[in-house]
Protein backbone atom coordinates (compact mmCIF):
# COMPACT_ATOMS: atom_id res chain seq x y z
CA UNK A 1 0.00 0.00 0.00
CA UNK A 2 2.92 2.32 0.64
CA UNK A 3 3.83 2.40 -3.04
CA UNK A 4 0.23 3.30 -3.89
CA UNK A 5 0.44 6.18 -1.41
CA UNK A 6 3.67 7.40 -3.02
CA UNK A 7 1.96 7.39 -6.42
CA UNK A 8 -1.03 9.21 -4.92
CA UNK A 9 1.25 11.89 -3.44
CA UNK A 10 2.91 12.52 -6.79
CA UNK A 11 -0.48 13.14 -8.42
CA UNK A 12 -2.06 15.19 -5.64
CA UNK A 13 -1.58 18.62 -4.16
CA UNK A 14 -2.97 17.73 -0.74
CA UNK A 15 -1.72 14.21 0.05
CA UNK A 16 1.66 13.57 1.62
CA UNK A 17 3.48 10.42 2.68
CA UNK A 18 4.99 10.90 6.13
CA UNK A 19 6.44 8.95 9.02
CA UNK A 20 7.35 9.48 12.65
CA UNK A 21 10.67 7.64 12.54
CA UNK A 22 13.81 9.15 11.07
CA UNK A 23 15.07 5.65 10.27
CA UNK A 24 11.87 4.86 8.34
CA UNK A 25 12.06 8.18 6.46
CA UNK A 26 15.65 7.51 5.37
CA UNK A 27 14.73 3.99 4.27
CA UNK A 28 11.72 5.11 2.23
CA UNK A 29 13.64 7.90 0.52
CA UNK A 30 16.47 5.51 -0.42
CA UNK A 31 14.31 2.51 -1.34
CA UNK A 32 11.80 4.36 -3.53
CA UNK A 33 13.59 7.63 -4.38
CA UNK A 34 10.44 9.40 -3.22
CA UNK A 35 9.79 12.28 -0.85
CA UNK A 36 8.66 11.50 2.66
CA UNK A 37 7.94 14.06 5.34
CA UNK A 38 9.27 13.55 8.87
CA UNK A 39 6.54 14.18 11.43
CA UNK A 40 7.83 13.21 14.88
CA UNK A 41 5.37 12.55 17.67
CA UNK A 42 5.17 15.58 19.91
CA UNK A 43 4.11 15.03 23.48
CA UNK A 44 4.20 17.93 25.90
CA UNK A 45 5.00 16.19 29.17
CA UNK A 46 6.31 19.06 31.26
CA UNK A 47 3.27 18.67 33.52
CA UNK A 48 3.70 14.91 33.96
CA UNK A 49 4.97 13.40 37.18
CA UNK A 50 8.02 11.17 36.82
CA UNK A 51 7.71 8.43 39.45
CA UNK A 52 11.23 7.14 38.66
CA UNK A 53 9.97 3.57 38.56
CA UNK A 54 11.71 1.15 36.26
CA UNK A 55 9.53 0.23 33.30
CA UNK A 56 10.74 -3.35 33.29
CA UNK A 57 11.73 -5.15 36.44
CA UNK A 58 12.82 -8.56 35.16
CA UNK A 59 11.10 -11.86 34.48
CA UNK A 60 9.14 -12.60 31.33
CA UNK A 61 8.68 -9.56 29.13
CA UNK A 62 5.11 -9.37 27.85
CA UNK A 63 4.41 -7.19 24.82
CA UNK A 64 0.88 -6.71 23.49
CA UNK A 65 -0.36 -5.50 20.11
CA UNK A 66 -4.14 -5.61 20.09
CA UNK A 67 -6.51 -4.50 17.38
CA UNK A 68 -7.75 -5.58 14.00
CA UNK A 69 -5.31 -7.73 12.05
CA UNK A 70 -4.89 -5.63 8.91
CA UNK A 71 -1.96 -3.79 7.28
CA UNK A 72 -2.80 -0.34 8.66
CA UNK A 73 -2.36 -1.56 12.25
CA UNK A 74 1.39 -2.23 11.78
CA UNK A 75 1.41 -5.65 13.43
CA UNK A 76 4.62 -6.56 11.59
CA UNK A 77 6.34 -3.49 13.06
CA UNK A 78 5.09 -4.38 16.53
CA UNK A 79 6.42 -7.94 16.14
CA UNK A 80 9.76 -6.56 14.96
CA UNK A 81 9.93 -4.23 17.96
CA UNK A 82 9.14 -7.11 20.33
CA UNK A 83 11.93 -9.16 18.74
CA UNK A 84 14.35 -6.26 19.08
CA UNK A 85 13.49 -5.93 22.79
CA UNK A 86 13.87 -9.69 23.23
CA UNK A 87 17.36 -9.59 21.73
CA UNK A 88 18.45 -6.43 23.54
CA UNK A 89 17.22 -7.45 27.00
CA UNK A 90 18.09 -11.15 26.61
CA UNK A 91 14.91 -12.26 28.42
CA UNK A 92 12.04 -14.64 27.74
CA UNK A 93 9.41 -12.73 25.80
CA UNK A 94 5.72 -13.24 25.09
CA UNK A 95 4.23 -11.33 22.17
CA UNK A 96 0.44 -11.15 22.60
CA UNK A 97 -1.79 -10.34 19.64
CA UNK A 98 -5.47 -10.38 18.81
CA UNK A 99 -6.60 -13.44 16.92
CA UNK A 100 -9.64 -15.05 15.40
CA UNK A 101 -10.96 -12.05 13.46
CA UNK A 102 -9.36 -11.67 10.05
CA UNK A 103 -9.88 -8.46 8.10
CA UNK A 104 -8.30 -7.05 4.96
CA UNK A 105 -5.28 -9.33 4.59
CA UNK A 106 -5.18 -10.35 8.24
CA UNK A 107 -4.45 -13.99 7.46
CA UNK A 108 -1.39 -13.05 5.42
CA UNK A 109 -0.17 -10.69 8.13
CA UNK A 110 -0.71 -13.24 10.89
CA UNK A 111 1.15 -15.90 8.89
CA UNK A 112 3.98 -13.43 8.29
CA UNK A 113 4.25 -12.66 12.00
CA UNK A 114 4.26 -16.38 12.80
CA UNK A 115 7.07 -16.93 10.28
CA UNK A 116 9.01 -13.95 11.66
CA UNK A 117 9.05 -15.28 15.23
CA UNK A 118 9.10 -19.04 14.61
CA UNK A 119 11.80 -21.06 16.37
CA UNK A 120 13.34 -18.15 18.23
CA UNK A 121 14.46 -19.49 21.62
CA UNK A 122 12.72 -17.73 24.49
CA UNK A 123 10.22 -15.93 22.25
CA UNK A 124 6.58 -17.03 22.30
CA UNK A 125 3.69 -15.77 20.17
CA UNK A 126 0.40 -15.73 22.11
CA UNK A 127 -2.95 -15.20 20.41
CA UNK A 128 -5.85 -13.89 22.43
CA UNK A 129 -9.23 -14.32 20.72
CA UNK A 130 -11.67 -11.48 20.31
CA UNK A 131 -14.03 -11.10 23.24
CA UNK A 132 -16.02 -8.45 25.05
CA UNK A 133 -14.67 -6.77 28.18
CA UNK A 134 -17.07 -8.85 30.27
CA UNK A 135 -15.77 -12.09 28.75
CA UNK A 136 -12.17 -11.18 29.67
CA UNK A 137 -13.01 -10.00 33.18
C-alpha atoms as a PDB file:
ATOM      1  CA  UNK A   1       0.000   0.000   0.000  1.00  0.00           C
ATOM      2  CA  UNK A   2       2.916   2.323   0.641  1.00  0.00           C
ATOM      3  CA  UNK A   3       3.835   2.403  -3.042  1.00  0.00           C
ATOM      4  CA  UNK A   4       0.229   3.303  -3.890  1.00  0.00           C
ATOM      5  CA  UNK A   5       0.442   6.176  -1.408  1.00  0.00           C
ATOM      6  CA  UNK A   6       3.671   7.397  -3.015  1.00  0.00           C
ATOM      7  CA  UNK A   7       1.962   7.394  -6.423  1.00  0.00           C
ATOM      8  CA  UNK A   8      -1.026   9.212  -4.924  1.00  0.00           C
ATOM      9  CA  UNK A   9       1.246  11.893  -3.444  1.00  0.00           C
ATOM     10  CA  UNK A  10       2.906  12.517  -6.789  1.00  0.00           C
ATOM     11  CA  UNK A  11      -0.484  13.141  -8.422  1.00  0.00           C
ATOM     12  CA  UNK A  12      -2.056  15.187  -5.635  1.00  0.00           C
ATOM     13  CA  UNK A  13      -1.580  18.625  -4.155  1.00  0.00           C
ATOM     14  CA  UNK A  14      -2.973  17.727  -0.736  1.00  0.00           C
ATOM     15  CA  UNK A  15      -1.722  14.211   0.049  1.00  0.00           C
ATOM     16  CA  UNK A  16       1.663  13.574   1.616  1.00  0.00           C
ATOM     17  CA  UNK A  17       3.477  10.416   2.680  1.00  0.00           C
ATOM     18  CA  UNK A  18       4.993  10.904   6.129  1.00  0.00           C
ATOM     19  CA  UNK A  19       6.445   8.949   9.018  1.00  0.00           C
ATOM     20  CA  UNK A  20       7.345   9.482  12.651  1.00  0.00           C
ATOM     21  CA  UNK A  21      10.665   7.636  12.544  1.00  0.00           C
ATOM     22  CA  UNK A  22      13.812   9.154  11.073  1.00  0.00           C
ATOM     23  CA  UNK A  23      15.066   5.646  10.271  1.00  0.00           C
ATOM     24  CA  UNK A  24      11.867   4.862   8.335  1.00  0.00           C
ATOM     25  CA  UNK A  25      12.057   8.184   6.457  1.00  0.00           C
ATOM     26  CA  UNK A  26      15.654   7.514   5.365  1.00  0.00           C
ATOM     27  CA  UNK A  27      14.732   3.990   4.272  1.00  0.00           C
ATOM     28  CA  UNK A  28      11.717   5.114   2.228  1.00  0.00           C
ATOM     29  CA  UNK A  29      13.636   7.896   0.524  1.00  0.00           C
ATOM     30  CA  UNK A  30      16.468   5.514  -0.416  1.00  0.00           C
ATOM     31  CA  UNK A  31      14.306   2.514  -1.336  1.00  0.00           C
ATOM     32  CA  UNK A  32      11.803   4.364  -3.526  1.00  0.00           C
ATOM     33  CA  UNK A  33      13.587   7.635  -4.377  1.00  0.00           C
ATOM     34  CA  UNK A  34      10.441   9.396  -3.219  1.00  0.00           C
ATOM     35  CA  UNK A  35       9.792  12.282  -0.855  1.00  0.00           C
ATOM     36  CA  UNK A  36       8.656  11.496   2.658  1.00  0.00           C
ATOM     37  CA  UNK A  37       7.937  14.057   5.342  1.00  0.00           C
ATOM     38  CA  UNK A  38       9.271  13.550   8.870  1.00  0.00           C
ATOM     39  CA  UNK A  39       6.539  14.179  11.433  1.00  0.00           C
ATOM     40  CA  UNK A  40       7.832  13.208  14.884  1.00  0.00           C
ATOM     41  CA  UNK A  41       5.372  12.548  17.673  1.00  0.00           C
ATOM     42  CA  UNK A  42       5.175  15.584  19.913  1.00  0.00           C
ATOM     43  CA  UNK A  43       4.111  15.032  23.479  1.00  0.00           C
ATOM     44  CA  UNK A  44       4.203  17.925  25.904  1.00  0.00           C
ATOM     45  CA  UNK A  45       5.004  16.186  29.166  1.00  0.00           C
ATOM     46  CA  UNK A  46       6.306  19.059  31.258  1.00  0.00           C
ATOM     47  CA  UNK A  47       3.274  18.673  33.519  1.00  0.00           C
ATOM     48  CA  UNK A  48       3.700  14.906  33.961  1.00  0.00           C
ATOM     49  CA  UNK A  49       4.971  13.397  37.183  1.00  0.00           C
ATOM     50  CA  UNK A  50       8.017  11.173  36.819  1.00  0.00           C
ATOM     51  CA  UNK A  51       7.712   8.432  39.447  1.00  0.00           C
ATOM     52  CA  UNK A  52      11.233   7.136  38.659  1.00  0.00           C
ATOM     53  CA  UNK A  53       9.974   3.566  38.565  1.00  0.00           C
ATOM     54  CA  UNK A  54      11.714   1.146  36.262  1.00  0.00           C
ATOM     55  CA  UNK A  55       9.533   0.227  33.296  1.00  0.00           C
ATOM     56  CA  UNK A  56      10.740  -3.347  33.286  1.00  0.00           C
ATOM     57  CA  UNK A  57      11.734  -5.150  36.441  1.00  0.00           C
ATOM     58  CA  UNK A  58      12.824  -8.559  35.161  1.00  0.00           C
ATOM     59  CA  UNK A  59      11.100 -11.858  34.482  1.00  0.00           C
ATOM     60  CA  UNK A  60       9.140 -12.605  31.326  1.00  0.00           C
ATOM     61  CA  UNK A  61       8.679  -9.561  29.128  1.00  0.00           C
ATOM     62  CA  UNK A  62       5.111  -9.372  27.846  1.00  0.00           C
ATOM     63  CA  UNK A  63       4.412  -7.186  24.818  1.00  0.00           C
ATOM     64  CA  UNK A  64       0.885  -6.707  23.492  1.00  0.00           C
ATOM     65  CA  UNK A  65      -0.361  -5.499  20.112  1.00  0.00           C
ATOM     66  CA  UNK A  66      -4.136  -5.606  20.089  1.00  0.00           C
ATOM     67  CA  UNK A  67      -6.507  -4.504  17.381  1.00  0.00           C
ATOM     68  CA  UNK A  68      -7.746  -5.581  13.999  1.00  0.00           C
ATOM     69  CA  UNK A  69      -5.309  -7.727  12.048  1.00  0.00           C
ATOM     70  CA  UNK A  70      -4.885  -5.628   8.915  1.00  0.00           C
ATOM     71  CA  UNK A  71      -1.958  -3.793   7.284  1.00  0.00           C
ATOM     72  CA  UNK A  72      -2.797  -0.338   8.661  1.00  0.00           C
ATOM     73  CA  UNK A  73      -2.361  -1.558  12.248  1.00  0.00           C
ATOM     74  CA  UNK A  74       1.387  -2.233  11.779  1.00  0.00           C
ATOM     75  CA  UNK A  75       1.405  -5.654  13.430  1.00  0.00           C
ATOM     76  CA  UNK A  76       4.619  -6.561  11.585  1.00  0.00           C
ATOM     77  CA  UNK A  77       6.343  -3.494  13.058  1.00  0.00           C
ATOM     78  CA  UNK A  78       5.086  -4.385  16.526  1.00  0.00           C
ATOM     79  CA  UNK A  79       6.419  -7.939  16.143  1.00  0.00           C
ATOM     80  CA  UNK A  80       9.760  -6.557  14.958  1.00  0.00           C
ATOM     81  CA  UNK A  81       9.933  -4.232  17.961  1.00  0.00           C
ATOM     82  CA  UNK A  82       9.140  -7.114  20.331  1.00  0.00           C
ATOM     83  CA  UNK A  83      11.933  -9.163  18.736  1.00  0.00           C
ATOM     84  CA  UNK A  84      14.351  -6.258  19.083  1.00  0.00           C
ATOM     85  CA  UNK A  85      13.493  -5.934  22.794  1.00  0.00           C
ATOM     86  CA  UNK A  86      13.873  -9.690  23.227  1.00  0.00           C
ATOM     87  CA  UNK A  87      17.360  -9.592  21.734  1.00  0.00           C
ATOM     88  CA  UNK A  88      18.450  -6.435  23.543  1.00  0.00           C
ATOM     89  CA  UNK A  89      17.215  -7.450  26.999  1.00  0.00           C
ATOM     90  CA  UNK A  90      18.091 -11.151  26.613  1.00  0.00           C
ATOM     91  CA  UNK A  91      14.906 -12.263  28.423  1.00  0.00           C
ATOM     92  CA  UNK A  92      12.036 -14.638  27.745  1.00  0.00           C
ATOM     93  CA  UNK A  93       9.409 -12.731  25.800  1.00  0.00           C
ATOM     94  CA  UNK A  94       5.723 -13.242  25.091  1.00  0.00           C
ATOM     95  CA  UNK A  95       4.225 -11.327  22.174  1.00  0.00           C
ATOM     96  CA  UNK A  96       0.445 -11.145  22.602  1.00  0.00           C
ATOM     97  CA  UNK A  97      -1.788 -10.336  19.641  1.00  0.00           C
ATOM     98  CA  UNK A  98      -5.468 -10.376  18.809  1.00  0.00           C
ATOM     99  CA  UNK A  99      -6.596 -13.439  16.920  1.00  0.00           C
ATOM    100  CA  UNK A 100      -9.639 -15.046  15.399  1.00  0.00           C
ATOM    101  CA  UNK A 101     -10.956 -12.052  13.463  1.00  0.00           C
ATOM    102  CA  UNK A 102      -9.361 -11.665  10.048  1.00  0.00           C
ATOM    103  CA  UNK A 103      -9.883  -8.459   8.100  1.00  0.00           C
ATOM    104  CA  UNK A 104      -8.297  -7.050   4.961  1.00  0.00           C
ATOM    105  CA  UNK A 105      -5.276  -9.325   4.594  1.00  0.00           C
ATOM    106  CA  UNK A 106      -5.181 -10.346   8.236  1.00  0.00           C
ATOM    107  CA  UNK A 107      -4.452 -13.992   7.462  1.00  0.00           C
ATOM    108  CA  UNK A 108      -1.389 -13.047   5.416  1.00  0.00           C
ATOM    109  CA  UNK A 109      -0.168 -10.687   8.126  1.00  0.00           C
ATOM    110  CA  UNK A 110      -0.714 -13.239  10.890  1.00  0.00           C
ATOM    111  CA  UNK A 111       1.147 -15.903   8.886  1.00  0.00           C
ATOM    112  CA  UNK A 112       3.978 -13.428   8.289  1.00  0.00           C
ATOM    113  CA  UNK A 113       4.251 -12.659  12.005  1.00  0.00           C
ATOM    114  CA  UNK A 114       4.261 -16.379  12.803  1.00  0.00           C
ATOM    115  CA  UNK A 115       7.070 -16.932  10.284  1.00  0.00           C
ATOM    116  CA  UNK A 116       9.013 -13.954  11.658  1.00  0.00           C
ATOM    117  CA  UNK A 117       9.046 -15.284  15.226  1.00  0.00           C
ATOM    118  CA  UNK A 118       9.102 -19.040  14.607  1.00  0.00           C
ATOM    119  CA  UNK A 119      11.797 -21.064  16.368  1.00  0.00           C
ATOM    120  CA  UNK A 120      13.345 -18.148  18.235  1.00  0.00           C
ATOM    121  CA  UNK A 121      14.464 -19.488  21.624  1.00  0.00           C
ATOM    122  CA  UNK A 122      12.723 -17.735  24.495  1.00  0.00           C
ATOM    123  CA  UNK A 123      10.220 -15.925  22.252  1.00  0.00           C
ATOM    124  CA  UNK A 124       6.577 -17.034  22.300  1.00  0.00           C
ATOM    125  CA  UNK A 125       3.691 -15.772  20.168  1.00  0.00           C
ATOM    126  CA  UNK A 126       0.403 -15.726  22.106  1.00  0.00           C
ATOM    127  CA  UNK A 127      -2.947 -15.197  20.412  1.00  0.00           C
ATOM    128  CA  UNK A 128      -5.852 -13.893  22.429  1.00  0.00           C
ATOM    129  CA  UNK A 129      -9.228 -14.317  20.723  1.00  0.00           C
ATOM    130  CA  UNK A 130     -11.667 -11.475  20.313  1.00  0.00           C
ATOM    131  CA  UNK A 131     -14.033 -11.097  23.240  1.00  0.00           C
ATOM    132  CA  UNK A 132     -16.021  -8.447  25.045  1.00  0.00           C
ATOM    133  CA  UNK A 133     -14.666  -6.774  28.182  1.00  0.00           C
ATOM    134  CA  UNK A 134     -17.069  -8.846  30.271  1.00  0.00           C
ATOM    135  CA  UNK A 135     -15.769 -12.089  28.755  1.00  0.00           C
ATOM    136  CA  UNK A 136     -12.171 -11.176  29.669  1.00  0.00           C
ATOM    137  CA  UNK A 137     -13.009 -10.002  33.177  1.00  0.00           C
END
